[in-house]
Amino acid sequence: MSSEITRFHTGPDQQLTERFANRAALMHASEIRSLFAVASRPDIVSLAGGMPNLSALPMEMMAGVVNKLILENGAEALQYGSGQGHPFLREQICEVMALEGIRAHPDDVIVTTGSQQALDLISRIFINPGDVVLVEAPSYVGALGTFKQYEANVVHVQMDDQGMVPEALRAAIASVRASGQQIKFLYLIPNYQNPAGVLLPAERRTEILEICQSEKIFIVEDNPYGLLGFDKPSPNAMRSQDSENVIYLGSFSKTIAPGFRVGWALVPPSLKEKLVIAAESSILCPSNFAQLSISGYLADQPWRDQIASFCKLYRARRDAMLESLEAHFPASATWTKPAGGFYVWVTLPPEIDTTALMPKAIVAKVAYVPGTAFYADGFGSWSMRLSYCHPTPERIREGVKALGGVIKTEMENRQIG
């Protein structure tokens, strides 16, 4: 295992490195990507990656959508398109966002290559080296990597089992301002957060909005999981309450398929021009083929029923994971109990280093993501993210049982009660 990960990390030689721009030194593979070569082995139960489970997506139906697109509109689908995205898809995106209370105009929607590109573009526009970005503790590894590449100073804000704590946000803002640093925006995932799986309640959303409005801080609301609630709909999006101070990011990767790489940003009108220019300089235009495939699917297929099928599939897997954690993990471990999305966040006794534990877990044929991946400051060494979205319930039970055994053995060896 160690040789595979080492080989995956092999970088350029020193002579070439000396020719790189300074920012290249800030580019590192995430811990999740570093694990991929090992975690993707068929003998390993991977509780690591957040890959959507496409077994519930009828492939014949999707083939029909693509076939119809090529036969009836192939000349447009295979051509360059608008840098802002296809107009009809932007109208459909507004209909999707309406499910979470957002009233938006298609002119304020910018289609991107996944919401990850939108995050990169926003960072490029706003962040100067040394600027502060406020994020949850823990936070999405892809966002942390982006902020680091633009040389931001990432400041984590305390969370509990209901998401970001408003009082902690006030304290963080005051501390940063007292140090003379400039806060560019607050980044958060309010629905079934990655990696913690927690849901920010409506009253906290309102309070956080009021704090950021009064402090003149933009909010970047990243919402890939909002329609994947298992028991009831998530609260309305924060963007539904504030169209001037919230930049909303959405994606079809979790609700349709990630291979299309279609996401979007809903921005205040004052930001649209800059974001479109940044997008055009980055990729010229998003893929017409991918956009029109998504558009055809939304127009002709029962996509709401398909999302309900995904929710049913993920709920069964969530249940299998929670039951297995209760049965096989030590009593001193705690974990979140997500009401939707893909992830459970596990906290172990502080003496356990989940990064150092990983090779032993791989020997036991199970993989996870160590908690330090989700912090910019190396914190979280006794935590881990477990993903239940992709393995079958049976494989989840197998993997959690094996991982619980590894943890208990480690605790016995270290004489941790």
Protein backbone atom coordinates (compact mmCIF):
# COMPACT_ATOMS: atom_id res chain seq x y z
CA MET A 1 0.00 0.00 0.00
CA SER A 2 2.72 2.45 0.97
CA SER A 3 4.56 1.95 -2.34
CA GLU A 4 1.37 2.63 -4.29
CA ILE A 5 0.71 5.90 -2.48
CA THR A 6 4.36 6.94 -2.77
CA ARG A 7 4.31 6.26 -6.49
CA PHE A 8 1.10 8.27 -6.84
CA HIS A 9 2.82 11.24 -5.16
CA THR A 10 5.96 11.15 -7.33
CA GLY A 11 6.48 14.72 -8.57
CA PRO A 12 8.68 16.59 -11.05
CA ASP A 13 12.45 16.69 -10.64
CA GLN A 14 14.19 19.60 -8.95
CA GLN A 15 15.38 21.18 -12.19
CA LEU A 16 11.84 21.46 -13.50
CA THR A 17 10.46 22.60 -10.14
CA GLU A 18 12.77 25.61 -10.18
CA ARG A 19 11.03 26.80 -13.35
CA PHE A 20 7.54 26.74 -11.86
CA ALA A 21 5.63 29.84 -10.81
CA ASN A 22 5.56 30.41 -7.06
CA ARG A 23 1.90 29.40 -6.86
CA ALA A 24 2.74 25.90 -8.11
CA ALA A 25 4.28 25.18 -4.72
CA LEU A 26 0.77 25.48 -3.27
CA MET A 27 -0.65 22.77 -5.53
CA HIS A 28 -0.89 19.41 -3.81
CA ALA A 29 -2.99 16.32 -4.43
CA SER A 30 -5.80 16.02 -1.91
CA GLU A 31 -5.67 13.13 0.53
CA ILE A 32 -8.74 11.68 -1.20
CA ARG A 33 -7.07 11.66 -4.63
CA SER A 34 -3.90 10.27 -3.11
CA LEU A 35 -5.89 7.32 -1.79
CA PHE A 36 -7.66 6.64 -5.06
CA ALA A 37 -5.24 4.05 -6.47
CA VAL A 38 -5.62 1.98 -3.32
CA ALA A 39 -9.27 2.65 -2.48
CA SER A 40 -10.42 1.73 -5.99
CA ARG A 41 -9.06 -1.81 -5.73
CA PRO A 42 -11.94 -4.32 -5.89
CA ASP A 43 -10.80 -6.07 -2.71
CA ILE A 44 -11.02 -2.83 -0.68
CA VAL A 45 -14.30 -1.61 0.80
CA SER A 46 -13.99 2.08 0.01
CA LEU A 47 -15.72 4.34 2.49
CA ALA A 48 -13.48 7.13 1.20
CA GLY A 49 -14.68 8.76 -2.02
CA GLY A 50 -17.99 10.55 -2.46
CA MET A 51 -18.86 8.96 -5.80
CA PRO A 52 -22.59 9.10 -6.61
CA ASN A 53 -24.15 5.68 -7.02
CA LEU A 54 -25.43 5.53 -10.59
CA SER A 55 -27.06 2.11 -10.25
CA ALA A 56 -30.40 3.91 -9.82
CA LEU A 57 -29.96 5.86 -13.07
CA PRO A 58 -31.58 3.97 -16.00
CA MET A 59 -28.83 3.87 -18.61
CA GLU A 60 -31.21 3.03 -21.47
CA MET A 61 -33.16 6.17 -20.67
CA MET A 62 -30.00 8.27 -20.61
CA ALA A 63 -28.85 6.70 -23.87
CA GLY A 64 -32.17 7.71 -25.38
CA VAL A 65 -31.71 11.30 -24.24
CA VAL A 66 -28.24 11.49 -25.80
CA ASN A 67 -29.32 9.71 -28.99
CA LYS A 68 -32.24 12.09 -29.46
CA LEU A 69 -29.96 15.06 -28.87
CA ILE A 70 -27.48 14.01 -31.54
CA LEU A 71 -30.11 13.07 -34.10
CA GLU A 72 -32.27 16.16 -33.64
CA ASN A 73 -29.83 18.83 -32.49
CA GLY A 74 -26.35 17.47 -33.06
CA ALA A 75 -25.06 20.50 -34.94
CA GLU A 76 -25.67 22.74 -31.93
CA ALA A 77 -24.68 20.17 -29.31
CA LEU A 78 -21.26 19.64 -30.88
CA GLN A 79 -20.55 23.33 -31.52
CA TYR A 80 -19.11 26.12 -29.35
CA GLY A 81 -21.64 27.88 -27.14
CA SER A 82 -22.12 30.88 -24.92
CA GLY A 83 -19.56 31.58 -22.22
CA GLN A 84 -22.43 32.07 -19.76
CA GLY A 85 -24.11 28.80 -20.65
CA HIS A 86 -27.04 27.73 -22.79
CA PRO A 87 -30.05 30.04 -22.30
CA PHE A 88 -32.65 27.26 -22.07
CA LEU A 89 -30.65 25.29 -19.53
CA ARG A 90 -30.29 28.43 -17.43
CA GLU A 91 -34.09 28.72 -17.42
CA GLN A 92 -34.37 25.10 -16.30
CA ILE A 93 -31.79 25.67 -13.57
CA CYS A 94 -34.03 28.42 -12.20
CA GLU A 95 -36.88 25.88 -12.04
CA VAL A 96 -34.64 23.46 -10.13
CA MET A 97 -33.58 26.14 -7.66
CA ALA A 98 -37.22 27.08 -7.10
CA LEU A 99 -37.59 23.77 -5.23
CA GLU A 100 -35.48 25.36 -2.48
CA GLY A 101 -37.28 28.67 -2.43
CA ILE A 102 -35.03 30.58 -4.82
CA ARG A 103 -36.59 33.07 -7.22
CA ALA A 104 -33.99 33.84 -9.85
CA HIS A 105 -33.62 35.18 -13.38
CA PRO A 106 -31.74 33.11 -15.99
CA ASP A 107 -29.55 36.16 -16.76
CA ASP A 108 -27.98 35.80 -13.30
CA VAL A 109 -27.07 32.11 -13.80
CA ILE A 110 -23.63 31.18 -15.11
CA VAL A 111 -23.11 27.55 -16.16
CA THR A 112 -19.74 26.11 -15.15
CA THR A 113 -17.79 22.90 -15.53
CA GLY A 114 -19.06 21.50 -12.25
CA SER A 115 -19.51 23.78 -9.26
CA GLN A 116 -15.79 23.28 -8.58
CA GLN A 117 -14.99 25.58 -11.49
CA ALA A 118 -17.37 28.19 -10.09
CA LEU A 119 -15.48 28.01 -6.81
CA ASP A 120 -12.19 28.54 -8.63
CA LEU A 121 -13.55 31.52 -10.57
CA ILE A 122 -14.94 33.18 -7.46
CA SER A 123 -11.60 32.70 -5.72
CA ARG A 124 -9.75 34.18 -8.69
CA ILE A 125 -11.96 37.26 -8.66
CA PHE A 126 -11.96 37.93 -4.91
CA ILE A 127 -8.81 36.60 -3.25
CA ASN A 128 -5.53 38.45 -2.96
CA PRO A 129 -2.64 36.69 -1.22
CA GLY A 130 -3.18 36.89 2.54
CA ASP A 131 -6.92 37.59 2.37
CA VAL A 132 -9.10 35.61 4.77
CA VAL A 133 -11.77 33.11 3.76
CA LEU A 134 -13.99 31.88 6.57
CA VAL A 135 -15.04 28.22 6.34
CA GLU A 136 -16.70 25.58 8.48
CA ALA A 137 -14.63 23.32 10.72
CA PRO A 138 -14.28 20.83 9.02
CA SER A 139 -14.80 21.92 5.40
CA TYR A 140 -14.83 20.52 1.85
CA VAL A 141 -11.34 19.46 0.77
CA GLY A 142 -11.81 20.74 -2.80
CA ALA A 143 -12.62 24.22 -1.52
CA LEU A 144 -9.64 24.25 0.82
CA GLY A 145 -7.33 23.32 -2.03
CA THR A 146 -8.70 26.08 -4.22
CA PHE A 147 -8.37 28.73 -1.52
CA LYS A 148 -4.82 27.62 -0.79
CA GLN A 149 -3.79 27.94 -4.43
CA TYR A 150 -4.95 31.55 -4.41
CA GLU A 151 -2.91 32.09 -1.23
CA ALA A 152 -5.84 32.75 1.07
CA ASN A 153 -5.58 32.52 4.82
CA VAL A 154 -8.33 30.02 5.71
CA VAL A 155 -9.96 30.53 9.11
CA HIS A 156 -12.17 27.72 10.40
CA VAL A 157 -15.38 28.47 12.31
CA GLN A 158 -16.69 26.04 14.92
CA MET A 159 -19.52 23.69 14.06
CA ASP A 160 -21.74 21.44 16.14
CA ASP A 161 -24.26 18.80 15.11
CA GLN A 162 -26.44 21.57 13.63
CA GLY A 163 -23.75 23.17 11.52
CA MET A 164 -21.93 26.46 11.89
CA VAL A 165 -22.35 28.12 15.29
CA PRO A 166 -23.38 31.79 14.82
CA GLU A 167 -21.60 32.97 17.98
CA ALA A 168 -18.42 31.31 16.77
CA LEU A 169 -18.80 33.15 13.46
CA ARG A 170 -19.09 36.48 15.29
CA ALA A 171 -15.98 35.66 17.32
CA ALA A 172 -14.01 34.65 14.22
CA ILE A 173 -14.93 37.85 12.38
CA ALA A 174 -13.94 39.97 15.37
CA SER A 175 -10.62 38.14 15.75
CA VAL A 176 -9.70 38.47 12.08
CA ARG A 177 -10.65 42.14 11.96
CA ALA A 178 -8.66 42.83 15.13
CA SER A 179 -5.59 41.37 13.41
CA GLY A 180 -5.99 43.79 10.50
CA GLN A 181 -6.76 41.11 7.90
CA GLN A 182 -9.43 41.43 5.24
CA ILE A 183 -12.27 38.90 5.05
CA LYS A 184 -13.34 38.23 1.46
CA PHE A 185 -16.20 35.78 1.99
CA LEU A 186 -17.72 33.03 4.10
CA TYR A 187 -17.86 29.64 2.39
CA LEU A 188 -20.27 27.02 3.71
CA ILE A 189 -22.32 23.97 2.72
CA PRO A 190 -25.60 24.25 4.65
CA ASN A 191 -27.22 21.03 3.45
CA TYR A 192 -25.82 17.62 4.53
CA GLN A 193 -22.39 19.15 4.70
CA ASN A 194 -19.26 17.60 3.22
CA PRO A 195 -17.60 16.12 5.27
CA ALA A 196 -19.74 16.24 8.43
CA GLY A 197 -23.17 15.44 6.97
CA VAL A 198 -24.92 18.00 9.20
CA LEU A 199 -27.89 20.18 8.23
CA LEU A 200 -27.95 23.90 9.10
CA PRO A 201 -31.42 24.72 10.51
CA ALA A 202 -33.49 27.60 9.14
CA GLU A 203 -33.04 29.83 12.18
CA ARG A 204 -29.25 29.58 12.01
CA ARG A 205 -29.31 30.35 8.30
CA THR A 206 -31.16 33.56 9.02
CA GLU A 207 -28.81 34.51 11.85
CA ILE A 208 -25.70 33.85 9.76
CA LEU A 209 -27.18 35.90 6.91
CA GLU A 210 -27.83 38.79 9.29
CA ILE A 211 -24.28 38.61 10.65
CA CYS A 212 -22.74 38.68 7.18
CA GLN A 213 -25.04 41.45 5.99
CA SER A 214 -24.11 43.65 8.94
CA GLU A 215 -20.40 42.86 8.53
CA LYS A 216 -20.51 43.30 4.72
CA ILE A 217 -19.18 39.81 4.03
CA PHE A 218 -20.29 37.83 0.98
CA ILE A 219 -21.58 34.28 1.54
CA VAL A 220 -20.69 31.53 -0.93
CA GLU A 221 -23.44 28.93 -0.45
CA ASP A 222 -22.35 25.60 -1.95
CA ASN A 223 -25.35 23.30 -2.32
CA PRO A 224 -24.72 20.05 -4.21
CA TYR A 225 -26.75 17.90 -1.77
CA GLY A 226 -29.80 20.05 -1.06
CA LEU A 227 -32.34 17.83 -2.86
CA LEU A 228 -30.97 14.64 -1.28
CA GLY A 229 -32.84 14.81 2.02
CA PHE A 230 -34.08 11.42 3.20
CA ASP A 231 -37.05 12.22 5.40
CA LYS A 232 -38.13 15.77 4.60
CA PRO A 233 -36.99 18.65 2.40
CA SER A 234 -34.07 20.76 3.56
CA PRO A 235 -34.80 24.35 4.64
CA ASN A 236 -34.94 26.95 1.90
CA ALA A 237 -31.59 27.98 0.51
CA MET A 238 -29.88 30.96 2.08
CA ARG A 239 -29.95 32.59 -1.36
CA SER A 240 -33.76 32.60 -1.15
CA GLN A 241 -33.50 35.20 1.64
CA ASP A 242 -30.74 37.37 0.19
CA SER A 243 -30.12 37.92 -3.52
CA GLU A 244 -27.46 40.61 -3.05
CA ASN A 245 -25.05 39.09 -0.55
CA VAL A 246 -25.17 35.36 -1.40
CA ILE A 247 -23.38 33.65 -4.27
CA TYR A 248 -25.10 30.29 -4.77
CA LEU A 249 -23.35 27.26 -6.28
CA GLY A 250 -25.28 24.30 -7.63
CA SER A 251 -24.46 21.08 -9.46
CA PHE A 252 -26.09 18.21 -11.32
CA SER A 253 -23.28 15.85 -10.29
CA LYS A 254 -25.17 14.41 -7.32
CA THR A 255 -28.72 14.54 -8.67
CA ILE A 256 -28.07 13.29 -12.23
CA ALA A 257 -24.49 12.23 -13.00
CA PRO A 258 -21.03 13.72 -12.37
CA GLY A 259 -19.66 12.69 -15.75
CA PHE A 260 -21.49 15.55 -17.47
CA ARG A 261 -19.57 18.06 -15.29
CA VAL A 262 -22.39 20.62 -15.31
CA GLY A 263 -22.72 23.03 -12.41
CA TRP A 264 -23.66 26.67 -12.03
CA ALA A 265 -23.32 29.86 -10.06
CA LEU A 266 -26.22 32.17 -9.28
CA VAL A 267 -24.68 35.56 -8.63
CA PRO A 268 -25.81 39.08 -7.76
CA PRO A 269 -26.14 41.10 -11.00
CA SER A 270 -23.19 43.25 -9.96
CA LEU A 271 -20.86 40.22 -10.16
CA LYS A 272 -22.12 38.59 -13.35
CA GLU A 273 -19.88 40.36 -15.86
CA LYS A 274 -16.67 39.61 -13.98
CA LEU A 275 -17.60 35.96 -13.51
CA VAL A 276 -18.50 35.47 -17.17
CA ILE A 277 -15.21 37.07 -18.26
CA ALA A 278 -13.30 34.82 -15.85
CA ALA A 279 -15.15 31.76 -17.15
CA GLU A 280 -14.45 32.62 -20.78
CA SER A 281 -10.75 33.12 -20.08
CA SER A 282 -10.66 29.75 -18.30
CA ILE A 283 -12.54 27.43 -20.68
CA LEU A 284 -14.03 29.70 -23.39
CA CYS A 285 -17.42 28.06 -22.90
CA PRO A 286 -18.91 25.10 -21.06
CA SER A 287 -19.65 21.99 -23.11
CA ASN A 288 -22.77 22.42 -25.24
CA PHE A 289 -23.07 18.65 -25.48
CA ALA A 290 -23.12 18.18 -21.72
CA GLN A 291 -25.47 21.12 -21.18
CA LEU A 292 -27.97 20.01 -23.79
CA SER A 293 -27.86 16.43 -22.53
CA ILE A 294 -28.82 17.68 -19.07
CA SER A 295 -31.42 19.98 -20.60
CA GLY A 296 -33.00 17.14 -22.58
CA TYR A 297 -33.11 14.98 -19.47
CA LEU A 298 -34.82 17.72 -17.46
CA ALA A 299 -37.30 18.43 -20.25
CA ASP A 300 -38.32 14.86 -21.10
CA GLN A 301 -37.71 12.65 -18.07
CA PRO A 302 -39.30 12.38 -14.59
CA TRP A 303 -36.21 13.80 -12.91
CA ARG A 304 -37.94 14.49 -9.59
CA ASP A 305 -38.83 10.79 -9.37
CA GLN A 306 -35.23 9.93 -10.20
CA ILE A 307 -33.98 12.09 -7.33
CA ALA A 308 -36.45 10.30 -5.05
CA SER A 309 -34.93 6.98 -6.20
CA PHE A 310 -31.46 8.23 -5.31
CA CYS A 311 -32.69 9.34 -1.89
CA LYS A 312 -34.17 5.88 -1.24
CA LEU A 313 -30.90 4.22 -2.26
CA TYR A 314 -28.75 6.50 -0.11
CA ARG A 315 -31.09 6.25 2.88
CA ALA A 316 -30.67 2.46 2.94
CA ARG A 317 -26.91 2.86 2.83
CA ARG A 318 -26.94 5.53 5.53
CA ASP A 319 -28.96 3.22 7.75
CA ALA A 320 -26.54 0.35 7.17
CA MET A 321 -23.61 2.56 8.15
CA LEU A 322 -25.22 3.94 11.31
CA GLU A 323 -26.32 0.49 12.44
CA SER A 324 -22.84 -0.90 11.82
CA LEU A 325 -21.12 1.95 13.65
CA GLU A 326 -23.33 1.30 16.66
CA ALA A 327 -22.53 -2.41 16.54
CA HIS A 328 -18.79 -2.35 15.86
CA PHE A 329 -17.17 0.94 16.89
CA PRO A 330 -15.86 1.57 20.42
CA ALA A 331 -18.15 3.29 22.91
CA SER A 332 -15.79 6.27 23.08
CA ALA A 333 -16.33 7.07 19.39
CA THR A 334 -19.00 9.52 18.30
CA TRP A 335 -20.44 10.27 14.89
CA THR A 336 -22.95 12.46 13.10
CA LYS A 337 -26.34 11.12 12.00
CA PRO A 338 -27.01 12.70 8.61
CA ALA A 339 -30.54 13.29 7.36
CA GLY A 340 -29.35 13.33 3.76
CA GLY A 341 -26.32 13.50 1.51
CA PHE A 342 -23.34 11.15 1.44
CA TYR A 343 -21.25 11.37 4.62
CA VAL A 344 -20.80 10.50 8.29
CA TRP A 345 -18.13 12.26 10.39
CA VAL A 346 -16.56 10.08 13.08
CA THR A 347 -14.62 11.40 16.07
CA LEU A 348 -12.30 9.03 17.95
CA PRO A 349 -10.29 9.46 21.17
CA PRO A 350 -7.63 12.16 20.56
CA GLU A 351 -4.82 9.63 20.99
CA ILE A 352 -5.79 7.96 17.71
CA ASP A 353 -4.15 9.41 14.59
CA THR A 354 -6.38 8.43 11.67
CA THR A 355 -3.67 9.19 9.10
CA ALA A 356 -1.22 6.84 10.82
CA LEU A 357 -4.01 4.28 11.16
CA MET A 358 -4.73 4.16 7.43
CA PRO A 359 -2.15 1.49 6.45
CA LYS A 360 -3.62 -0.87 9.07
CA ALA A 361 -7.11 -0.21 7.71
CA ILE A 362 -5.94 -1.02 4.17
CA VAL A 363 -4.49 -4.31 5.41
CA ALA A 364 -7.97 -4.99 6.81
CA LYS A 365 -9.41 -4.17 3.34
CA VAL A 366 -11.19 -0.91 4.17
CA ALA A 367 -10.46 2.73 3.28
CA TYR A 368 -11.65 6.08 4.65
CA VAL A 369 -10.49 9.70 4.55
CA PRO A 370 -8.51 11.00 7.55
CA GLY A 371 -9.92 14.10 9.21
CA THR A 372 -6.88 16.29 8.54
CA ALA A 373 -7.88 16.44 4.86
CA PHE A 374 -10.75 18.74 5.83
CA TYR A 375 -8.77 21.32 7.75
CA ALA A 376 -6.33 23.92 6.46
CA ASP A 377 -4.29 23.83 9.66
CA GLY A 378 -3.62 20.12 10.23
CA PHE A 379 -6.38 19.79 12.83
CA GLY A 380 -8.75 16.81 12.92
CA SER A 381 -6.16 14.03 13.29
CA TRP A 382 -8.51 11.93 15.45
CA SER A 383 -11.46 12.20 13.03
CA MET A 384 -12.44 10.53 9.77
CA ARG A 385 -15.00 10.90 7.03
CA LEU A 386 -16.93 7.80 6.03
CA SER A 387 -18.90 7.82 2.78
CA TYR A 388 -21.90 5.52 2.37
CA CYS A 389 -23.07 6.61 -1.09
CA HIS A 390 -21.37 4.05 -3.32
CA PRO A 391 -20.91 0.61 -1.66
CA THR A 392 -23.83 -1.75 -1.19
CA PRO A 393 -25.30 -1.99 2.33
CA GLU A 394 -23.64 -5.38 2.69
CA ARG A 395 -20.22 -3.99 1.79
CA ILE A 396 -20.75 -1.04 4.11
CA ARG A 397 -21.44 -3.42 7.01
CA GLU A 398 -18.36 -5.44 6.09
CA GLY A 399 -16.16 -2.36 5.88
CA VAL A 400 -17.39 -0.73 9.09
CA LYS A 401 -16.95 -4.00 11.00
CA ALA A 402 -13.36 -4.33 9.75
CA LEU A 403 -12.59 -0.71 10.52
CA GLY A 404 -14.08 -1.00 13.99
CA GLY A 405 -11.82 -3.96 14.65
CA VAL A 406 -8.75 -1.99 13.54
CA ILE A 407 -9.66 0.91 15.83
CA LYS A 408 -10.34 -1.31 18.83
CA THR A 409 -7.02 -3.12 18.36
CA GLU A 410 -5.21 0.22 18.15
CA MET A 411 -6.89 1.39 21.35
CA GLU A 412 -5.94 -1.83 23.14
CA ASN A 413 -2.33 -1.51 21.99
CA ARG A 414 -2.21 2.07 23.24
CA GLN A 415 -4.13 1.16 26.39
CA ILE A 416 -6.84 3.71 25.62
CA GLY A 417 -9.97 3.14 27.67
